[in-house]
Amino acid sequence: MRAAGCKPKKISDDFGTAKLWHLAGPYSMLCAFSHNDLNVIALRHQGEMSMVYKQEVAPELVRSIVTSGLMVLMDATDQFGRIARFPEGVFESVYAEMGEKWLRVVDGDGTL
């Protein structure tokens, strides 16, 4: 394909075309963890000396994954709020409440 002048498709180009460049990194990370990327499999199962069935995941990594997912969710909600019609102030108040709840989850409070 390259010899014919065709380049592999890069999803980051699609994000750029949509002016959503900031989602390319989180998308890549979340895809790696959900589609069994070899690096992720090694991270989850490769111990010091041998393979481990389910190696414990560092809390910082879990927090990073959850935070990335929440960022994507909040961004998608914001995009939806720009195109959908709601009664005056309804979307804004719900969106603000979502943000406050997710902050509590990310900050460790855990309450919804």
N, C-alpha and C. Protein backbone atom coordinates (compact mmCIF):
# COMPACT_ATOMS: atom_id res chain seq x y z
N MET A 1 0.81 -1.19 0.00
CA MET A 1 0.00 0.00 0.00
C MET A 1 0.87 1.27 0.00
N ARG A 2 1.92 1.25 0.79
CA ARG A 2 2.79 2.44 0.82
C ARG A 2 3.43 2.68 -0.54
N ALA A 3 3.80 1.57 -1.21
CA ALA A 3 4.41 1.70 -2.53
C ALA A 3 3.46 2.38 -3.52
N ALA A 4 2.17 2.20 -3.31
CA ALA A 4 1.17 2.81 -4.18
C ALA A 4 0.86 4.25 -3.75
N GLY A 5 1.56 4.73 -2.71
CA GLY A 5 1.35 6.10 -2.25
C GLY A 5 0.28 6.24 -1.19
N CYS A 6 -0.23 5.11 -0.70
CA CYS A 6 -1.26 5.16 0.34
C CYS A 6 -0.61 5.15 1.72
N LYS A 7 -1.05 6.04 2.57
CA LYS A 7 -0.53 6.08 3.93
C LYS A 7 -1.58 5.46 4.86
N PRO A 8 -1.11 4.85 5.95
CA PRO A 8 -2.07 4.31 6.92
C PRO A 8 -2.92 5.43 7.52
N LYS A 9 -4.16 5.12 7.77
CA LYS A 9 -5.06 6.09 8.38
C LYS A 9 -4.64 6.31 9.83
N LYS A 10 -4.62 7.57 10.24
CA LYS A 10 -4.31 7.89 11.63
C LYS A 10 -5.54 8.56 12.24
N ILE A 11 -6.01 7.98 13.32
CA ILE A 11 -7.20 8.52 13.97
C ILE A 11 -6.97 9.94 14.45
N SER A 12 -5.72 10.28 14.77
CA SER A 12 -5.45 11.65 15.23
C SER A 12 -5.76 12.67 14.14
N ASP A 13 -5.62 12.27 12.88
CA ASP A 13 -5.99 13.17 11.78
C ASP A 13 -7.49 13.47 11.80
N ASP A 14 -8.29 12.43 12.09
CA ASP A 14 -9.74 12.63 12.17
C ASP A 14 -10.10 13.57 13.32
N PHE A 15 -9.42 13.40 14.46
CA PHE A 15 -9.67 14.31 15.58
C PHE A 15 -9.31 15.74 15.19
N GLY A 16 -8.21 15.88 14.46
CA GLY A 16 -7.79 17.21 14.02
C GLY A 16 -8.80 17.84 13.08
N THR A 17 -9.30 17.04 12.13
CA THR A 17 -10.30 17.53 11.19
C THR A 17 -11.54 18.03 11.93
N ALA A 18 -11.90 17.32 12.99
CA ALA A 18 -13.08 17.70 13.78
C ALA A 18 -12.77 18.78 14.82
N LYS A 19 -11.52 19.25 14.83
CA LYS A 19 -11.06 20.25 15.81
C LYS A 19 -11.19 19.74 17.24
N LEU A 20 -10.93 18.46 17.42
CA LEU A 20 -10.97 17.83 18.75
C LEU A 20 -9.63 17.19 19.07
N TRP A 21 -8.54 17.88 18.75
CA TRP A 21 -7.20 17.33 18.93
C TRP A 21 -6.98 16.87 20.36
N HIS A 22 -7.56 17.58 21.32
CA HIS A 22 -7.34 17.27 22.73
C HIS A 22 -7.86 15.89 23.12
N LEU A 23 -8.69 15.26 22.27
CA LEU A 23 -9.21 13.94 22.59
C LEU A 23 -8.37 12.80 22.00
N ALA A 24 -7.41 13.11 21.16
CA ALA A 24 -6.61 12.05 20.53
C ALA A 24 -5.83 11.23 21.57
N GLY A 25 -5.20 11.88 22.53
CA GLY A 25 -4.43 11.17 23.55
C GLY A 25 -5.30 10.29 24.43
N PRO A 26 -6.37 10.85 25.03
CA PRO A 26 -7.26 10.01 25.84
C PRO A 26 -7.87 8.87 25.04
N TYR A 27 -8.24 9.13 23.80
CA TYR A 27 -8.81 8.08 22.94
C TYR A 27 -7.81 6.95 22.77
N SER A 28 -6.58 7.30 22.49
CA SER A 28 -5.53 6.29 22.28
C SER A 28 -5.32 5.45 23.54
N MET A 29 -5.23 6.11 24.69
CA MET A 29 -5.02 5.38 25.94
C MET A 29 -6.21 4.48 26.27
N LEU A 30 -7.42 5.02 26.16
CA LEU A 30 -8.59 4.22 26.48
C LEU A 30 -8.75 3.04 25.52
N CYS A 31 -8.43 3.23 24.25
CA CYS A 31 -8.49 2.13 23.28
C CYS A 31 -7.47 1.05 23.64
N ALA A 32 -6.27 1.47 24.02
CA ALA A 32 -5.23 0.50 24.38
C ALA A 32 -5.69 -0.38 25.53
N PHE A 33 -6.33 0.21 26.52
CA PHE A 33 -6.78 -0.56 27.68
C PHE A 33 -8.03 -1.37 27.39
N SER A 34 -8.81 -0.99 26.42
CA SER A 34 -10.04 -1.74 26.14
C SER A 34 -9.89 -2.75 25.01
N HIS A 35 -8.83 -2.65 24.22
CA HIS A 35 -8.67 -3.55 23.08
C HIS A 35 -7.44 -4.46 23.18
N ASN A 36 -6.95 -4.67 24.39
CA ASN A 36 -5.85 -5.59 24.63
C ASN A 36 -4.59 -5.29 23.83
N ASP A 37 -4.17 -4.05 23.86
CA ASP A 37 -2.90 -3.65 23.29
C ASP A 37 -1.80 -4.45 23.98
N LEU A 38 -0.80 -4.90 23.22
CA LEU A 38 0.26 -5.75 23.79
C LEU A 38 0.99 -5.08 24.94
N ASN A 39 1.22 -3.79 24.85
CA ASN A 39 1.88 -3.09 25.95
C ASN A 39 1.03 -3.11 27.21
N VAL A 40 -0.27 -2.97 27.05
CA VAL A 40 -1.17 -3.01 28.20
C VAL A 40 -1.23 -4.42 28.78
N ILE A 41 -1.27 -5.42 27.91
CA ILE A 41 -1.26 -6.80 28.40
C ILE A 41 0.01 -7.07 29.20
N ALA A 42 1.14 -6.60 28.69
CA ALA A 42 2.39 -6.78 29.42
C ALA A 42 2.33 -6.06 30.77
N LEU A 43 1.78 -4.85 30.78
CA LEU A 43 1.65 -4.11 32.03
C LEU A 43 0.81 -4.86 33.04
N ARG A 44 -0.29 -5.46 32.57
CA ARG A 44 -1.22 -6.16 33.47
C ARG A 44 -0.71 -7.52 33.92
N HIS A 45 0.12 -8.18 33.12
CA HIS A 45 0.44 -9.58 33.42
C HIS A 45 1.92 -9.89 33.58
N GLN A 46 2.78 -8.99 33.25
CA GLN A 46 4.20 -9.30 33.28
C GLN A 46 4.78 -8.92 34.63
N GLY A 47 5.20 -9.94 35.38
CA GLY A 47 5.82 -9.70 36.67
C GLY A 47 7.32 -9.52 36.51
N GLU A 48 8.02 -9.49 37.63
CA GLU A 48 9.48 -9.34 37.60
C GLU A 48 10.16 -10.52 36.91
N MET A 49 9.71 -11.73 37.23
CA MET A 49 10.39 -12.92 36.73
C MET A 49 9.51 -13.79 35.82
N SER A 50 8.20 -13.58 35.86
CA SER A 50 7.31 -14.44 35.07
C SER A 50 5.98 -13.72 34.85
N MET A 51 5.13 -14.37 34.09
CA MET A 51 3.81 -13.81 33.84
C MET A 51 2.92 -14.04 35.07
N VAL A 52 2.08 -13.06 35.36
CA VAL A 52 1.17 -13.12 36.50
C VAL A 52 -0.24 -12.99 35.94
N TYR A 53 -1.15 -13.82 36.47
CA TYR A 53 -2.52 -13.81 35.92
C TYR A 53 -3.11 -12.40 35.94
N LYS A 54 -3.26 -11.81 37.09
CA LYS A 54 -3.80 -10.45 37.17
C LYS A 54 -2.95 -9.66 38.15
N GLN A 55 -1.94 -9.05 37.61
CA GLN A 55 -1.07 -8.24 38.44
C GLN A 55 -1.83 -7.01 38.93
N GLU A 56 -1.59 -6.64 40.16
CA GLU A 56 -2.26 -5.47 40.72
C GLU A 56 -1.90 -4.22 39.92
N VAL A 57 -2.88 -3.37 39.73
CA VAL A 57 -2.68 -2.14 38.98
C VAL A 57 -2.49 -0.99 39.97
N ALA A 58 -1.50 -0.18 39.72
CA ALA A 58 -1.22 0.95 40.60
C ALA A 58 -2.42 1.90 40.63
N PRO A 59 -2.77 2.40 41.80
CA PRO A 59 -3.91 3.34 41.90
C PRO A 59 -3.75 4.56 41.00
N GLU A 60 -2.51 5.01 40.80
CA GLU A 60 -2.28 6.17 39.94
C GLU A 60 -2.69 5.88 38.49
N LEU A 61 -2.46 4.65 38.06
CA LEU A 61 -2.85 4.27 36.70
C LEU A 61 -4.37 4.20 36.58
N VAL A 62 -5.02 3.62 37.57
CA VAL A 62 -6.48 3.56 37.56
C VAL A 62 -7.05 4.97 37.54
N ARG A 63 -6.50 5.84 38.35
CA ARG A 63 -6.96 7.23 38.40
C ARG A 63 -6.77 7.91 37.04
N SER A 64 -5.66 7.64 36.39
CA SER A 64 -5.39 8.22 35.08
C SER A 64 -6.42 7.76 34.05
N ILE A 65 -6.74 6.47 34.07
CA ILE A 65 -7.71 5.92 33.12
C ILE A 65 -9.10 6.52 33.39
N VAL A 66 -9.51 6.53 34.65
CA VAL A 66 -10.83 7.06 35.01
C VAL A 66 -10.90 8.55 34.67
N THR A 67 -9.87 9.29 34.98
CA THR A 67 -9.85 10.72 34.69
C THR A 67 -9.94 10.98 33.19
N SER A 68 -9.23 10.19 32.40
CA SER A 68 -9.31 10.36 30.95
C SER A 68 -10.71 10.06 30.44
N GLY A 69 -11.30 9.00 30.94
CA GLY A 69 -12.67 8.67 30.55
C GLY A 69 -13.65 9.77 30.92
N LEU A 70 -13.49 10.33 32.11
CA LEU A 70 -14.37 11.41 32.55
C LEU A 70 -14.18 12.66 31.71
N MET A 71 -12.94 12.94 31.33
CA MET A 71 -12.68 14.11 30.48
C MET A 71 -13.41 13.96 29.14
N VAL A 72 -13.33 12.77 28.57
CA VAL A 72 -14.00 12.52 27.29
C VAL A 72 -15.52 12.63 27.47
N LEU A 73 -16.04 12.07 28.55
CA LEU A 73 -17.48 12.14 28.82
C LEU A 73 -17.95 13.59 29.00
N MET A 74 -17.20 14.36 29.76
CA MET A 74 -17.59 15.76 29.97
C MET A 74 -17.49 16.56 28.67
N ASP A 75 -16.47 16.27 27.87
CA ASP A 75 -16.34 16.97 26.59
C ASP A 75 -17.50 16.63 25.68
N ALA A 76 -17.87 15.35 25.62
CA ALA A 76 -19.00 14.93 24.77
C ALA A 76 -20.29 15.58 25.25
N THR A 77 -20.47 15.67 26.56
CA THR A 77 -21.66 16.31 27.10
C THR A 77 -21.69 17.79 26.73
N ASP A 78 -20.54 18.43 26.83
CA ASP A 78 -20.44 19.85 26.46
C ASP A 78 -20.80 20.03 24.98
N GLN A 79 -20.28 19.16 24.11
CA GLN A 79 -20.59 19.24 22.68
C GLN A 79 -22.08 19.07 22.45
N PHE A 80 -22.69 18.13 23.17
CA PHE A 80 -24.13 17.89 23.05
C PHE A 80 -24.91 19.14 23.46
N GLY A 81 -24.46 19.76 24.54
CA GLY A 81 -25.13 20.97 25.01
C GLY A 81 -25.07 22.12 24.04
N ARG A 82 -24.11 22.10 23.14
CA ARG A 82 -23.98 23.17 22.14
C ARG A 82 -24.95 23.00 20.97
N ILE A 83 -25.40 21.76 20.74
CA ILE A 83 -26.28 21.53 19.58
C ILE A 83 -27.72 21.22 19.97
N ALA A 84 -27.97 20.79 21.19
CA ALA A 84 -29.33 20.46 21.62
C ALA A 84 -29.98 21.69 22.26
N ARG A 85 -31.28 21.73 22.21
CA ARG A 85 -32.01 22.84 22.82
C ARG A 85 -32.63 22.38 24.14
N PHE A 86 -32.39 23.18 25.15
CA PHE A 86 -32.95 22.92 26.48
C PHE A 86 -33.60 24.20 26.98
N PRO A 87 -34.53 24.08 27.92
CA PRO A 87 -35.05 25.30 28.54
C PRO A 87 -33.90 26.10 29.16
N GLU A 88 -34.07 27.40 29.22
CA GLU A 88 -33.03 28.31 29.72
C GLU A 88 -32.43 27.82 31.04
N GLY A 89 -31.12 27.64 31.05
CA GLY A 89 -30.37 27.29 32.27
C GLY A 89 -30.38 25.83 32.66
N VAL A 90 -31.21 25.00 32.03
CA VAL A 90 -31.30 23.59 32.44
C VAL A 90 -30.01 22.85 32.14
N PHE A 91 -29.54 22.95 30.92
CA PHE A 91 -28.31 22.23 30.58
C PHE A 91 -27.15 22.69 31.44
N GLU A 92 -27.01 23.99 31.57
CA GLU A 92 -25.89 24.54 32.33
C GLU A 92 -25.87 24.04 33.76
N SER A 93 -27.04 23.98 34.40
CA SER A 93 -27.08 23.53 35.80
C SER A 93 -26.77 22.03 35.90
N VAL A 94 -27.29 21.25 34.98
CA VAL A 94 -27.01 19.81 34.99
C VAL A 94 -25.53 19.56 34.70
N TYR A 95 -24.98 20.28 33.74
CA TYR A 95 -23.57 20.13 33.39
C TYR A 95 -22.67 20.51 34.57
N ALA A 96 -23.00 21.58 35.23
CA ALA A 96 -22.22 22.01 36.40
C ALA A 96 -22.29 20.96 37.51
N GLU A 97 -23.47 20.39 37.72
CA GLU A 97 -23.62 19.36 38.75
C GLU A 97 -22.82 18.11 38.38
N MET A 98 -22.84 17.74 37.10
CA MET A 98 -22.02 16.61 36.65
C MET A 98 -20.55 16.86 36.98
N GLY A 99 -20.09 18.05 36.63
CA GLY A 99 -18.69 18.39 36.88
C GLY A 99 -18.33 18.30 38.35
N GLU A 100 -19.20 18.81 39.21
CA GLU A 100 -18.96 18.75 40.65
C GLU A 100 -18.90 17.31 41.15
N LYS A 101 -19.81 16.46 40.68
CA LYS A 101 -19.83 15.06 41.11
C LYS A 101 -18.58 14.33 40.64
N TRP A 102 -18.20 14.53 39.39
CA TRP A 102 -17.00 13.84 38.88
C TRP A 102 -15.76 14.31 39.61
N LEU A 103 -15.70 15.60 39.97
CA LEU A 103 -14.56 16.09 40.73
C LEU A 103 -14.45 15.38 42.08
N ARG A 104 -15.59 15.15 42.72
CA ARG A 104 -15.57 14.42 43.99
C ARG A 104 -15.05 13.01 43.80
N VAL A 105 -15.44 12.37 42.71
CA VAL A 105 -14.95 11.01 42.44
C VAL A 105 -13.44 11.03 42.20
N VAL A 106 -12.99 11.94 41.36
CA VAL A 106 -11.56 12.02 41.02
C VAL A 106 -10.73 12.44 42.22
N ASP A 107 -11.27 13.34 43.04
CA ASP A 107 -10.53 13.82 44.20
C ASP A 107 -10.51 12.81 45.36
N GLY A 108 -11.22 11.71 45.19
CA GLY A 108 -11.14 10.67 46.21
C GLY A 108 -12.29 10.60 47.16
N ASP A 109 -13.22 11.53 47.10
CA ASP A 109 -14.37 11.49 47.98
C ASP A 109 -15.24 10.28 47.63
N GLY A 110 -15.47 10.08 46.33
CA GLY A 110 -16.21 8.91 45.87
C GLY A 110 -17.71 9.00 45.98
N THR A 111 -18.24 10.08 46.56
CA THR A 111 -19.69 10.18 46.71
C THR A 111 -20.30 10.76 45.45
N LEU A 112 -21.48 10.28 45.13
CA LEU A 112 -22.23 10.84 44.00
C LEU A 112 -23.53 11.38 44.57
